[in-house]
Amino acid sequence: MHDPWIETVTLKPAITPVTVLPPDPATTVVWRMTRAGESDVLVAGPRTKASYHVTKELPVCVRLRIRMGRVMTLLGTAADELVDRTVPLEDVIGPTDLAERLVAYRDRPAEAAETLRGFLVDHLPSRLPGRLDLVANAVAELSDGMQPRVAETAAGLGVSERYLRRVFREDVGVSPKHFARIARVRSLIGQARRPWVDTAAYAGYTDQSHLIADFRSLMGVTPTAFAAGQVPLSSC
């Protein structure tokens, strides 16, 4: 069943020695518990660049990825205020006892996810009239492998380029151009072991050097280093 607000739910992320956080235009709401039993609910905004750190296993970690373009309506705050930030949910919506209530579901992550979603949708109803279709259509257009220009996308949607840039930043968090860059690099991650010269044209890059430069800019390493697991680990 299509959920108009939440794109994906992750109940227990795969445990790997290194956690790779690629650039991501989406905003995520996370409930987690530490081994000491501490519980908190966080909002992780869009990431403009990748980060890497040694994995710290948590007993419970439930993630709800908000559909792009829904952040402003669902959380009542502009997505561009959350870019490259992770903050307590209370900093966004005000005081709540949600983190404490979720502790009861520590052994039932699926129910925890549904409770968290229900809180967001039922207790934080839409606060702005809809630009949802416009932004959703722009996201779909700019995610396409052909990488259309922002001006062409705006014209196709019947709005000015200036208006599209403004609402896109507010509702997604980054500019349409930066969103397209992130989407393109993310599409390459699963192809890390394919010959890059064959991939460049397919992904819409002018040539292999353009692909490598863009990948390194957002991922912090070259495609070859990334495929080999040679990534810069953060101390945090």
Protein backbone atom coordinates (compact mmCIF):
# COMPACT_ATOMS: atom_id res chain seq x y z
CA MET A 1 0.00 0.00 0.00
CA HIS A 2 1.34 3.42 -1.02
CA ASP A 3 2.04 5.66 1.96
CA PRO A 4 1.71 9.35 1.02
CA TRP A 5 4.05 10.46 3.81
CA ILE A 6 6.65 7.79 4.51
CA GLU A 7 8.75 6.37 1.67
CA THR A 8 10.48 3.53 3.53
CA VAL A 9 10.68 2.09 7.05
CA THR A 10 13.86 0.46 8.32
CA LEU A 11 13.40 -1.59 11.47
CA LYS A 12 16.97 -2.78 11.94
CA PRO A 13 19.76 -1.51 9.69
CA ALA A 14 22.23 -4.10 8.44
CA ILE A 15 25.25 -4.27 10.73
CA THR A 16 28.51 -3.70 8.88
CA PRO A 17 31.92 -2.72 10.31
CA VAL A 18 31.70 0.68 8.64
CA THR A 19 28.52 2.71 8.31
CA VAL A 20 28.34 4.49 4.96
CA LEU A 21 26.04 7.51 4.86
CA PRO A 22 25.93 8.72 1.25
CA PRO A 23 24.55 12.13 0.36
CA ASP A 24 20.79 11.93 0.65
CA PRO A 25 18.13 14.55 -0.19
CA ALA A 26 15.57 12.92 2.12
CA THR A 27 14.76 13.75 5.74
CA THR A 28 14.50 10.83 8.17
CA VAL A 29 12.86 10.48 11.57
CA VAL A 30 14.76 8.04 13.80
CA TRP A 31 13.83 6.38 17.08
CA ARG A 32 16.72 4.69 18.82
CA MET A 33 17.62 3.16 22.14
CA THR A 34 21.08 2.73 23.60
CA ARG A 35 22.27 -0.29 25.56
CA ALA A 36 21.85 1.83 28.68
CA GLY A 37 18.14 2.11 27.89
CA GLU A 38 18.14 5.75 26.83
CA SER A 39 15.50 6.57 24.21
CA ASP A 40 15.33 9.49 21.83
CA VAL A 41 13.62 10.52 18.60
CA LEU A 42 15.73 12.45 16.11
CA VAL A 43 15.21 14.22 12.82
CA ALA A 44 18.08 13.75 10.36
CA GLY A 45 17.91 16.32 7.60
CA PRO A 46 19.17 16.03 4.03
CA ARG A 47 22.91 15.24 3.70
CA THR A 48 24.82 17.14 1.05
CA LYS A 49 27.95 14.98 1.32
CA ALA A 50 28.84 11.46 2.40
CA SER A 51 30.20 10.50 5.79
CA TYR A 52 31.71 7.28 7.11
CA HIS A 53 32.13 6.02 10.66
CA VAL A 54 32.77 2.86 12.61
CA THR A 55 29.42 1.22 13.29
CA LYS A 56 28.03 1.39 16.81
CA GLU A 57 25.36 -1.26 17.20
CA LEU A 58 22.15 -0.11 18.88
CA PRO A 59 19.59 -2.52 20.38
CA VAL A 60 16.79 -0.60 18.66
CA CYS A 61 16.96 1.77 15.68
CA VAL A 62 13.82 2.48 13.66
CA ARG A 63 14.02 4.86 10.70
CA LEU A 64 11.16 6.48 8.82
CA ARG A 65 12.27 8.12 5.58
CA ILE A 66 9.89 10.96 4.76
CA ARG A 67 8.87 11.26 1.13
CA MET A 68 10.69 14.15 -0.48
CA GLY A 69 8.56 17.26 -0.60
CA ARG A 70 6.51 16.26 2.48
CA VAL A 71 8.80 17.64 5.20
CA MET A 72 7.34 21.16 5.32
CA THR A 73 3.78 19.83 5.50
CA LEU A 74 4.45 16.99 7.92
CA LEU A 75 6.85 18.61 10.37
CA GLY A 76 5.85 22.24 9.99
CA THR A 77 9.42 23.38 9.31
CA ALA A 78 11.27 24.14 6.09
CA ALA A 79 13.49 21.26 5.03
CA ASP A 80 16.38 23.59 4.23
CA GLU A 81 16.60 24.43 7.95
CA LEU A 82 17.53 20.78 8.60
CA VAL A 83 20.23 20.33 5.96
CA ASP A 84 23.32 18.52 7.30
CA ARG A 85 21.83 18.52 10.80
CA THR A 86 20.49 15.88 13.18
CA VAL A 87 18.32 17.34 15.92
CA PRO A 88 15.87 16.04 18.54
CA LEU A 89 12.30 15.90 17.24
CA GLU A 90 11.32 18.19 20.12
CA ASP A 91 13.53 20.92 18.65
CA VAL A 92 11.31 20.86 15.57
CA ILE A 93 7.81 20.34 17.00
CA GLY A 94 8.08 21.24 20.68
CA PRO A 95 7.92 19.09 23.85
CA THR A 96 6.59 15.55 23.54
CA ASP A 97 6.74 12.32 25.54
CA LEU A 98 6.98 10.24 22.38
CA ALA A 99 10.46 8.87 23.13
CA GLU A 100 9.31 7.60 26.51
CA ARG A 101 6.15 6.01 25.08
CA LEU A 102 8.11 4.18 22.40
CA VAL A 103 10.16 2.32 25.01
CA ALA A 104 7.22 -0.05 25.45
CA TYR A 105 7.84 -1.27 21.88
CA ARG A 106 11.55 -2.00 22.23
CA ASP A 107 10.95 -5.68 21.34
CA ARG A 108 8.35 -4.87 18.68
CA PRO A 109 10.04 -2.55 16.18
CA ALA A 110 7.27 -2.85 13.58
CA GLU A 111 4.73 -1.57 16.11
CA ALA A 112 7.15 1.15 17.15
CA ALA A 113 7.41 2.27 13.54
CA GLU A 114 3.63 2.38 13.17
CA THR A 115 3.27 4.33 16.43
CA LEU A 116 5.90 6.80 15.29
CA ARG A 117 4.25 7.22 11.92
CA GLY A 118 0.84 7.64 13.53
CA PHE A 119 2.19 10.36 15.79
CA LEU A 120 3.64 12.28 12.87
CA VAL A 121 0.57 11.99 10.68
CA ASP A 122 -2.21 12.24 13.27
CA HIS A 123 -0.76 14.66 15.77
CA LEU A 124 1.11 16.87 13.31
CA PRO A 125 -1.48 17.40 10.56
CA SER A 126 -0.73 19.32 7.38
CA ARG A 127 0.22 22.89 8.15
CA LEU A 128 0.56 24.26 4.65
CA PRO A 129 -1.66 23.96 1.58
CA GLY A 130 -0.35 21.58 -0.98
CA ARG A 131 2.51 22.10 -3.29
CA LEU A 132 2.97 18.36 -2.98
CA ASP A 133 2.17 17.43 -6.57
CA LEU A 134 4.46 20.13 -7.97
CA VAL A 135 7.42 19.09 -5.84
CA ALA A 136 6.77 15.38 -6.34
CA ASN A 137 6.71 15.84 -10.11
CA ALA A 138 9.89 17.91 -10.00
CA VAL A 139 11.61 15.23 -7.90
CA ALA A 140 10.61 12.55 -10.40
CA GLU A 141 11.78 14.65 -13.34
CA LEU A 142 15.12 15.56 -11.78
CA SER A 143 15.77 11.97 -10.71
CA ASP A 144 15.67 10.81 -14.32
CA GLY A 145 18.94 9.58 -15.78
CA MET A 146 18.76 12.15 -18.58
CA GLN A 147 19.24 14.93 -16.00
CA PRO A 148 17.05 17.71 -17.49
CA ARG A 149 17.91 21.31 -16.77
CA VAL A 150 16.07 23.04 -13.93
CA ALA A 151 14.67 25.66 -16.31
CA GLU A 152 13.23 22.92 -18.53
CA THR A 153 11.71 21.16 -15.54
CA ALA A 154 10.08 24.38 -14.30
CA ALA A 155 8.70 25.17 -17.75
CA GLY A 156 7.30 21.66 -18.07
CA LEU A 157 5.52 22.06 -14.72
CA GLY A 158 4.11 25.47 -15.65
CA VAL A 159 5.97 27.53 -13.04
CA SER A 160 8.88 29.92 -13.09
CA GLU A 161 12.37 28.64 -12.41
CA ARG A 162 12.66 31.03 -9.45
CA TYR A 163 9.45 29.70 -7.87
CA LEU A 164 10.52 26.09 -8.36
CA ARG A 165 13.89 26.76 -6.73
CA ARG A 166 12.22 28.39 -3.72
CA VAL A 167 9.60 25.74 -3.02
CA PHE A 168 12.05 22.94 -3.76
CA ARG A 169 14.49 24.25 -1.15
CA GLU A 170 11.73 24.65 1.42
CA ASP A 171 10.08 21.29 0.81
CA VAL A 172 13.10 19.10 -0.04
CA GLY A 173 15.97 20.97 1.56
CA VAL A 174 18.44 21.46 -1.27
CA SER A 175 18.28 23.23 -4.60
CA PRO A 176 16.91 21.35 -7.62
CA LYS A 177 20.39 21.34 -9.19
CA HIS A 178 22.04 19.89 -6.09
CA PHE A 179 19.23 17.35 -5.74
CA ALA A 180 19.90 16.17 -9.30
CA ARG A 181 23.63 15.81 -8.52
CA ILE A 182 22.91 13.77 -5.39
CA ALA A 183 20.40 11.56 -7.20
CA ARG A 184 22.90 10.87 -9.96
CA VAL A 185 25.75 9.99 -7.60
CA ARG A 186 23.46 7.79 -5.49
CA SER A 187 22.52 5.89 -8.64
CA LEU A 188 26.20 5.04 -9.13
CA ILE A 189 26.83 3.55 -5.68
CA GLY A 190 25.39 0.15 -6.56
CA GLN A 191 27.48 0.10 -9.72
CA ALA A 192 30.77 0.67 -7.93
CA ARG A 193 32.44 -2.33 -9.53
CA ARG A 194 31.38 -1.65 -13.12
CA PRO A 195 33.76 0.03 -15.59
CA TRP A 196 33.23 3.74 -15.07
CA VAL A 197 33.83 4.61 -18.69
CA ASP A 198 30.73 2.54 -19.57
CA THR A 199 28.69 4.06 -16.77
CA ALA A 200 29.43 7.75 -17.37
CA ALA A 201 27.33 8.22 -20.49
CA TYR A 202 24.47 6.10 -19.14
CA ALA A 203 24.32 8.23 -15.98
CA GLY A 204 24.26 11.47 -17.95
CA TYR A 205 27.85 12.63 -17.40
CA THR A 206 29.78 14.26 -20.21
CA ASP A 207 32.70 11.86 -19.74
CA GLN A 208 34.46 9.65 -17.21
CA SER A 209 36.44 12.51 -15.66
CA HIS A 210 33.19 14.42 -15.03
CA LEU A 211 31.76 11.36 -13.26
CA ILE A 212 34.87 10.90 -11.11
CA ALA A 213 35.01 14.58 -10.12
CA ASP A 214 31.33 14.70 -9.16
CA PHE A 215 31.54 11.41 -7.24
CA ARG A 216 34.60 12.58 -5.30
CA SER A 217 33.00 15.93 -4.54
CA LEU A 218 29.95 14.36 -2.89
CA MET A 219 31.35 11.05 -1.61
CA GLY A 220 34.74 12.30 -0.43
CA VAL A 221 36.62 9.58 -2.35
CA THR A 222 37.02 8.45 -5.94
CA PRO A 223 34.76 5.70 -7.30
CA THR A 224 37.70 3.29 -7.33
CA ALA A 225 38.58 3.98 -3.69
CA PHE A 226 34.94 3.66 -2.67
CA ALA A 227 34.60 0.30 -4.43
CA ALA A 228 37.72 -0.89 -2.59
CA GLY A 229 36.37 0.23 0.78
CA GLN A 230 39.03 2.91 1.15
CA VAL A 231 36.94 5.57 2.88
CA PRO A 232 37.84 8.27 5.45
CA LEU A 233 36.44 7.21 8.82
CA SER A 234 35.07 9.85 11.15
CA SER A 235 36.05 9.74 14.81
CA CYS A 236 32.46 10.33 15.93
